Protein backbone atom coordinates (compact mmCIF):
# COMPACT_ATOMS: atom_id res chain seq x y z
CA MET A 1 12.04 -67.09 -64.10
CA LEU A 2 13.30 -70.21 -62.35
CA THR A 3 16.34 -69.77 -60.17
CA LYS A 4 18.71 -71.94 -58.22
CA SER A 5 17.68 -75.27 -56.73
CA TYR A 6 15.80 -75.31 -53.45
CA LEU A 7 18.89 -76.95 -51.98
CA ASN A 8 20.36 -74.84 -49.19
CA ILE A 9 23.77 -73.51 -50.20
CA SER A 10 25.06 -73.90 -46.65
CA ILE A 11 24.49 -77.42 -45.35
CA ALA A 12 22.90 -77.48 -41.91
CA ASP A 13 25.03 -78.58 -38.99
CA PRO A 14 22.97 -80.59 -36.46
CA SER A 15 25.37 -79.64 -33.67
CA ALA A 16 24.11 -76.06 -34.03
CA LEU A 17 20.90 -77.18 -32.33
CA GLY A 18 22.73 -77.90 -29.09
CA PRO A 19 21.53 -80.72 -26.81
CA VAL A 20 18.79 -82.81 -28.36
CA THR A 21 16.27 -85.26 -26.93
CA PRO A 22 16.32 -88.92 -28.01
CA GLU A 23 13.28 -88.28 -30.20
CA GLU A 24 14.94 -85.28 -31.85
CA ALA A 25 18.11 -87.29 -32.42
CA GLN A 26 16.03 -89.99 -34.11
CA MET A 27 14.47 -87.42 -36.45
CA LEU A 28 17.84 -85.83 -37.24
CA ALA A 29 19.22 -89.26 -38.16
CA ARG A 30 16.44 -89.62 -40.75
CA LEU A 31 16.97 -86.17 -42.27
CA ASP A 32 19.07 -85.31 -45.30
CA LEU A 33 20.34 -81.94 -44.11
CA ALA A 34 21.28 -80.99 -47.66
CA ARG A 35 17.62 -81.13 -48.77
CA LEU A 36 15.81 -79.01 -46.23
CA PRO A 37 13.08 -76.69 -47.52
CA ARG A 38 14.26 -73.19 -48.43
CA HIS A 39 11.10 -71.49 -47.22
CA VAL A 40 8.82 -72.83 -44.49
CA ALA A 41 5.39 -71.27 -43.91
CA VAL A 42 3.37 -72.01 -40.77
CA ILE A 43 -0.28 -71.52 -39.87
CA MET A 44 -0.03 -71.43 -36.08
CA ASP A 45 -3.44 -72.77 -35.08
CA GLY A 46 -4.85 -74.25 -31.88
CA ASN A 47 -3.88 -71.81 -29.12
CA GLY A 48 -7.49 -71.35 -28.01
CA ARG A 49 -8.32 -75.07 -28.00
CA TRP A 50 -5.11 -75.83 -26.12
CA ALA A 51 -6.15 -73.38 -23.41
CA GLU A 52 -9.71 -74.69 -23.26
CA ARG A 53 -8.51 -78.28 -22.81
CA LYS A 54 -6.42 -77.13 -19.87
CA HIS A 55 -9.27 -74.99 -18.48
CA LEU A 56 -7.21 -71.85 -18.97
CA PRO A 57 -8.15 -68.51 -20.54
CA ARG A 58 -7.48 -68.16 -24.27
CA ALA A 59 -4.78 -65.62 -23.46
CA ALA A 60 -2.76 -68.39 -21.81
CA GLY A 61 -2.86 -70.35 -25.06
CA HIS A 62 -1.63 -67.39 -27.08
CA ARG A 63 1.18 -66.74 -24.63
CA SER A 64 2.24 -70.39 -24.68
CA GLY A 65 2.14 -70.26 -28.47
CA THR A 66 4.81 -67.56 -28.49
CA GLN A 67 7.19 -70.02 -26.83
CA THR A 68 6.55 -72.52 -29.63
CA ALA A 69 7.20 -69.74 -32.15
CA ARG A 70 10.50 -69.01 -30.46
CA THR A 71 11.59 -72.66 -30.71
CA THR A 72 10.52 -72.86 -34.36
CA ILE A 73 12.32 -69.65 -35.27
CA GLU A 74 15.56 -70.58 -33.56
CA THR A 75 15.56 -74.13 -34.94
CA CYS A 76 14.97 -72.99 -38.52
CA ALA A 77 17.63 -70.30 -38.24
CA ARG A 78 20.20 -72.75 -36.91
CA LEU A 79 19.39 -75.24 -39.68
CA ASN A 80 20.07 -72.52 -42.29
CA ILE A 81 16.52 -72.35 -43.59
CA ASP A 82 16.40 -69.36 -45.96
CA ALA A 83 13.00 -68.02 -44.91
CA LEU A 84 10.31 -68.72 -42.31
CA THR A 85 6.87 -67.14 -42.49
CA LEU A 86 4.53 -67.31 -39.49
CA TYR A 87 0.84 -66.47 -39.81
CA ALA A 88 0.44 -64.32 -36.70
CA PHE A 89 -2.73 -62.30 -37.32
CA SER A 90 -5.11 -62.35 -40.28
CA VAL A 91 -7.38 -59.63 -41.63
CA GLU A 92 -10.25 -61.86 -40.49
CA ASN A 93 -8.98 -62.00 -36.90
CA TRP A 94 -10.41 -58.52 -36.27
CA ARG A 95 -13.77 -60.30 -36.00
CA ARG A 96 -12.69 -61.70 -32.63
CA PRO A 97 -13.68 -59.94 -29.38
CA LYS A 98 -11.86 -56.64 -28.90
CA THR A 99 -10.39 -57.84 -25.61
CA GLU A 100 -8.67 -60.68 -27.46
CA THR A 101 -7.41 -58.58 -30.39
CA ASP A 102 -6.10 -55.94 -27.96
CA PHE A 103 -4.27 -58.68 -26.04
CA LEU A 104 -2.78 -60.10 -29.25
CA MET A 105 -1.47 -56.68 -30.29
CA GLN A 106 0.08 -56.16 -26.86
CA LEU A 107 1.54 -59.68 -26.90
CA LEU A 108 3.10 -58.95 -30.27
CA ARG A 109 4.76 -55.80 -28.96
CA GLU A 110 6.09 -57.69 -25.94
CA TYR A 111 7.38 -60.45 -28.20
CA LEU A 112 9.25 -58.08 -30.51
CA ARG A 113 11.00 -56.45 -27.56
CA GLN A 114 11.77 -59.59 -25.57
CA GLU A 115 12.89 -61.74 -28.50
CA MET A 116 15.15 -59.18 -30.16
CA PRO A 117 18.29 -60.57 -28.43
CA LEU A 118 17.47 -64.05 -29.80
CA ILE A 119 16.76 -62.59 -33.25
CA GLN A 120 20.08 -60.76 -33.29
CA ARG A 121 22.03 -63.69 -31.84
CA ASN A 122 20.78 -65.90 -34.68
CA ASN A 123 21.54 -63.30 -37.40
CA ILE A 124 17.86 -63.14 -38.42
CA ARG A 125 16.39 -60.44 -40.65
CA MET A 126 12.81 -59.46 -39.88
CA ARG A 127 10.13 -58.67 -42.40
CA PHE A 128 6.39 -58.09 -42.02
CA LEU A 129 3.67 -59.09 -44.47
CA GLY A 130 0.25 -57.46 -44.51
CA ARG A 131 -1.53 -54.12 -44.36
CA ALA A 132 0.62 -52.51 -41.69
CA SER A 133 -1.06 -49.12 -41.98
CA GLU A 134 -4.24 -50.56 -40.44
CA LEU A 135 -2.46 -51.77 -37.29
CA PRO A 136 -2.23 -49.70 -34.07
CA ALA A 137 0.40 -46.95 -34.20
CA GLY A 138 2.47 -48.54 -31.43
CA VAL A 139 2.59 -51.85 -33.27
CA GLN A 140 3.65 -50.10 -36.48
CA HIS A 141 6.44 -48.34 -34.58
CA ASP A 142 7.75 -51.61 -33.15
CA MET A 143 7.59 -53.27 -36.56
CA ARG A 144 9.64 -50.50 -38.18
CA GLU A 145 12.16 -50.66 -35.36
CA ALA A 146 12.51 -54.45 -35.65
CA VAL A 147 13.11 -54.21 -39.41
CA GLU A 148 15.67 -51.45 -38.93
CA LYS A 149 17.54 -53.22 -36.13
CA THR A 150 17.87 -56.44 -38.15
CA SER A 151 18.40 -54.94 -41.60
CA LYS A 152 22.12 -55.70 -41.64
CA ASN A 153 21.76 -59.32 -40.56
CA THR A 154 22.53 -61.87 -43.24
CA GLY A 155 20.84 -65.04 -42.01
CA MET A 156 17.30 -66.39 -42.23
CA VAL A 157 14.50 -64.01 -43.17
CA LEU A 158 11.71 -64.19 -40.59
CA CYS A 159 8.40 -62.95 -41.96
CA LEU A 160 5.52 -62.26 -39.58
CA ALA A 161 2.19 -62.06 -41.39
CA LEU A 162 0.21 -59.38 -39.52
CA ASN A 163 -3.16 -58.06 -40.62
CA TYR A 164 -2.50 -60.37 -43.55
CA GLY A 165 -4.85 -61.89 -46.11
CA GLY A 166 -3.88 -63.71 -49.28
CA ARG A 167 -6.66 -62.12 -51.33
CA ALA A 168 -5.82 -58.67 -49.91
CA GLU A 169 -2.18 -59.20 -50.91
CA ILE A 170 -3.11 -59.99 -54.51
CA VAL A 171 -5.46 -56.99 -54.65
CA ASP A 172 -2.71 -54.74 -53.27
CA ALA A 173 -0.27 -56.08 -55.87
CA LEU A 174 -2.69 -55.47 -58.72
CA ASN A 175 -3.48 -51.97 -57.50
CA GLU A 176 0.23 -51.16 -57.46
CA ILE A 177 0.56 -52.46 -61.01
CA VAL A 178 -2.43 -50.40 -62.18
CA ALA A 179 -1.03 -47.27 -60.52
CA GLN A 180 2.35 -47.87 -62.12
CA ARG A 181 0.78 -48.45 -65.55
CA ASN A 182 -1.27 -45.27 -65.26
CA SER A 183 1.77 -43.18 -64.28
CA GLU A 184 3.79 -44.58 -67.18
CA GLY A 185 0.97 -44.53 -69.70
CA ARG A 186 1.49 -48.20 -70.48
CA ASN A 187 -1.19 -50.73 -71.45
CA ALA A 188 0.10 -54.27 -71.64
CA PRO A 189 -0.98 -57.69 -70.35
CA VAL A 190 -0.06 -58.41 -66.72
CA THR A 191 2.35 -61.34 -66.28
CA GLU A 192 2.84 -63.71 -63.37
CA GLU A 193 6.33 -62.32 -62.85
CA GLU A 194 4.96 -58.79 -62.62
CA VAL A 195 2.38 -59.79 -60.02
CA SER A 196 5.08 -61.61 -58.05
CA ARG A 197 7.30 -58.53 -58.00
CA HIS A 198 4.53 -56.60 -56.25
CA LEU A 199 3.65 -59.20 -53.61
CA TYR A 200 4.63 -58.67 -49.98
CA THR A 201 7.08 -61.58 -50.37
CA ALA A 202 8.91 -60.19 -53.41
CA GLY A 203 12.47 -61.52 -53.58
CA LEU A 204 11.85 -64.55 -51.37
CA PRO A 205 11.58 -68.14 -52.59
CA ASP A 206 8.03 -69.46 -52.65
CA PRO A 207 7.32 -71.75 -49.67
CA ASP A 208 8.41 -75.34 -50.21
CA LEU A 209 6.56 -76.52 -47.12
CA LEU A 210 3.35 -75.28 -45.50
CA ILE A 211 2.68 -76.58 -42.00
CA ARG A 212 -0.68 -76.22 -40.29
CA SER A 213 -1.15 -77.25 -36.69
CA SER A 214 -4.41 -78.35 -34.97
CA GLY A 215 -5.71 -80.57 -37.76
CA GLU A 216 -7.80 -78.06 -39.71
CA MET A 217 -7.80 -78.91 -43.44
CA ARG A 218 -7.76 -75.44 -44.98
CA VAL A 219 -5.22 -72.77 -45.92
CA SER A 220 -7.19 -69.87 -44.37
CA ASN A 221 -6.39 -67.22 -46.98
CA PHE A 222 -2.64 -67.61 -46.37
CA LEU A 223 -0.07 -67.03 -49.14
CA LEU A 224 -2.59 -68.07 -51.78
CA TRP A 225 -0.33 -67.14 -54.70
CA GLN A 226 2.93 -68.40 -53.20
CA ILE A 227 1.83 -71.88 -52.07
CA ALA A 228 0.84 -73.03 -55.55
CA TYR A 229 3.38 -75.89 -55.40
CA ALA A 230 4.08 -76.07 -51.67
CA GLU A 231 3.97 -79.40 -49.91
CA ILE A 232 1.21 -79.16 -47.28
CA LEU A 233 1.54 -80.92 -43.96
CA VAL A 234 -1.36 -80.85 -41.49
CA THR A 235 -0.74 -82.11 -37.97
CA GLU A 236 -3.28 -82.74 -35.22
CA THR A 237 -0.83 -81.26 -32.72
CA LEU A 238 -2.06 -77.96 -31.28
CA TRP A 239 0.38 -75.10 -31.79
CA PRO A 240 1.56 -74.76 -28.14
CA ASP A 241 2.49 -78.47 -28.23
CA PHE A 242 4.32 -78.25 -31.58
CA ASN A 243 7.84 -78.77 -30.24
CA ARG A 244 11.17 -79.15 -31.99
CA ALA A 245 10.67 -82.87 -32.55
CA ARG A 246 7.41 -82.18 -34.39
CA LEU A 247 9.16 -79.61 -36.60
CA LEU A 248 11.94 -82.06 -37.47
CA GLU A 249 9.29 -84.70 -38.13
CA ALA A 250 7.66 -82.29 -40.60
CA PHE A 251 10.99 -81.95 -42.41
CA VAL A 252 11.31 -85.75 -42.56
CA GLU A 253 7.84 -85.97 -44.09
CA PHE A 254 8.70 -83.20 -46.56
CA GLN A 255 11.66 -85.20 -47.84
CA LYS A 256 9.42 -88.19 -48.56
CA ARG A 257 7.38 -86.19 -51.06
CA GLU A 258 8.19 -86.37 -54.78
CA ARG A 259 8.11 -82.79 -56.04
CA ARG A 260 7.53 -82.54 -59.80
CA TYR A 261 6.02 -79.04 -60.09
CA GLY A 262 3.44 -80.33 -62.56
CA GLY A 263 6.03 -82.18 -64.65
CA ILE A 264 7.22 -85.74 -64.90
CA ARG A 265 10.33 -87.03 -63.21
CA GLU A 266 12.56 -88.22 -66.04
CA GLY A 267 15.64 -89.04 -64.04
CA GLY A 268 17.88 -87.38 -61.53
CA PRO A 269 17.02 -86.53 -57.95
CA ASP A 270 14.09 -84.24 -57.12
CA SER A 271 16.61 -81.90 -55.53
CA GLN A 272 17.51 -80.80 -59.06
CA VAL A 273 14.05 -79.26 -59.57
CA PRO A 274 14.53 -75.51 -59.11
CA ALA A 275 12.44 -73.44 -56.71
CA ARG A 276 10.64 -70.35 -57.90
CA VAL A 277 11.61 -67.05 -56.34
CA VAL A 278 8.89 -64.46 -55.91
CA GLY A 279 9.46 -61.46 -58.11
CA LYS A 280 12.12 -63.08 -60.31
């Protein structure tokens, strides 16, 4: 079922960003703050290449990438974006050397602890997407704690996709539906709405904008169901260099796109086209 427009109910206030650079000010002047995307999804790619270009270990790239994530999270929260989903660790990432995956798990735990004051200060609710039960016990503990600590916040929903795969998500949703059907003794065709209600993102608007850094032209098994009508923006900028100006630039580009959701624009602004909400 289609719901309210993708227009944000609360219009963003640029002063909430604090001091801005001349480039950021230029981007803000070009933005219609009443037509920001409701849900932004990001494939944070390029940490390793960034480190290699600077003759640093890959770990340095990952650590620098967390600072970019912090800037992105805070900027989106202050601009009243409804939801932000960051692709932090895929099911395929386990193929990397154990030393790197161990470091990434430890970095995640550090991040959740160190960034909690910023998360709380910006009234952010945390949510995790993926097969959490396959993550290390300590990571699972920190995830549960982060969700609990932020459960009463009412601002932007921050989703971290951990041990996530788009195909795995759809399989998990279908298995839940099958189990439910078996327990109820029902046998009926599966609908799109039913699948959506069992996705990790149930209750959130589908992404309006998918950003991928580092120039790779693929979606890498990320939110395969949800990005059906997302605007995709690929930037050559490596993730550690994706600063606030680049994020605002992505929003400017988003507003240039004509979004018809498979239909024909027959009059009226594109902002009147409603956004689909997962599970509704």
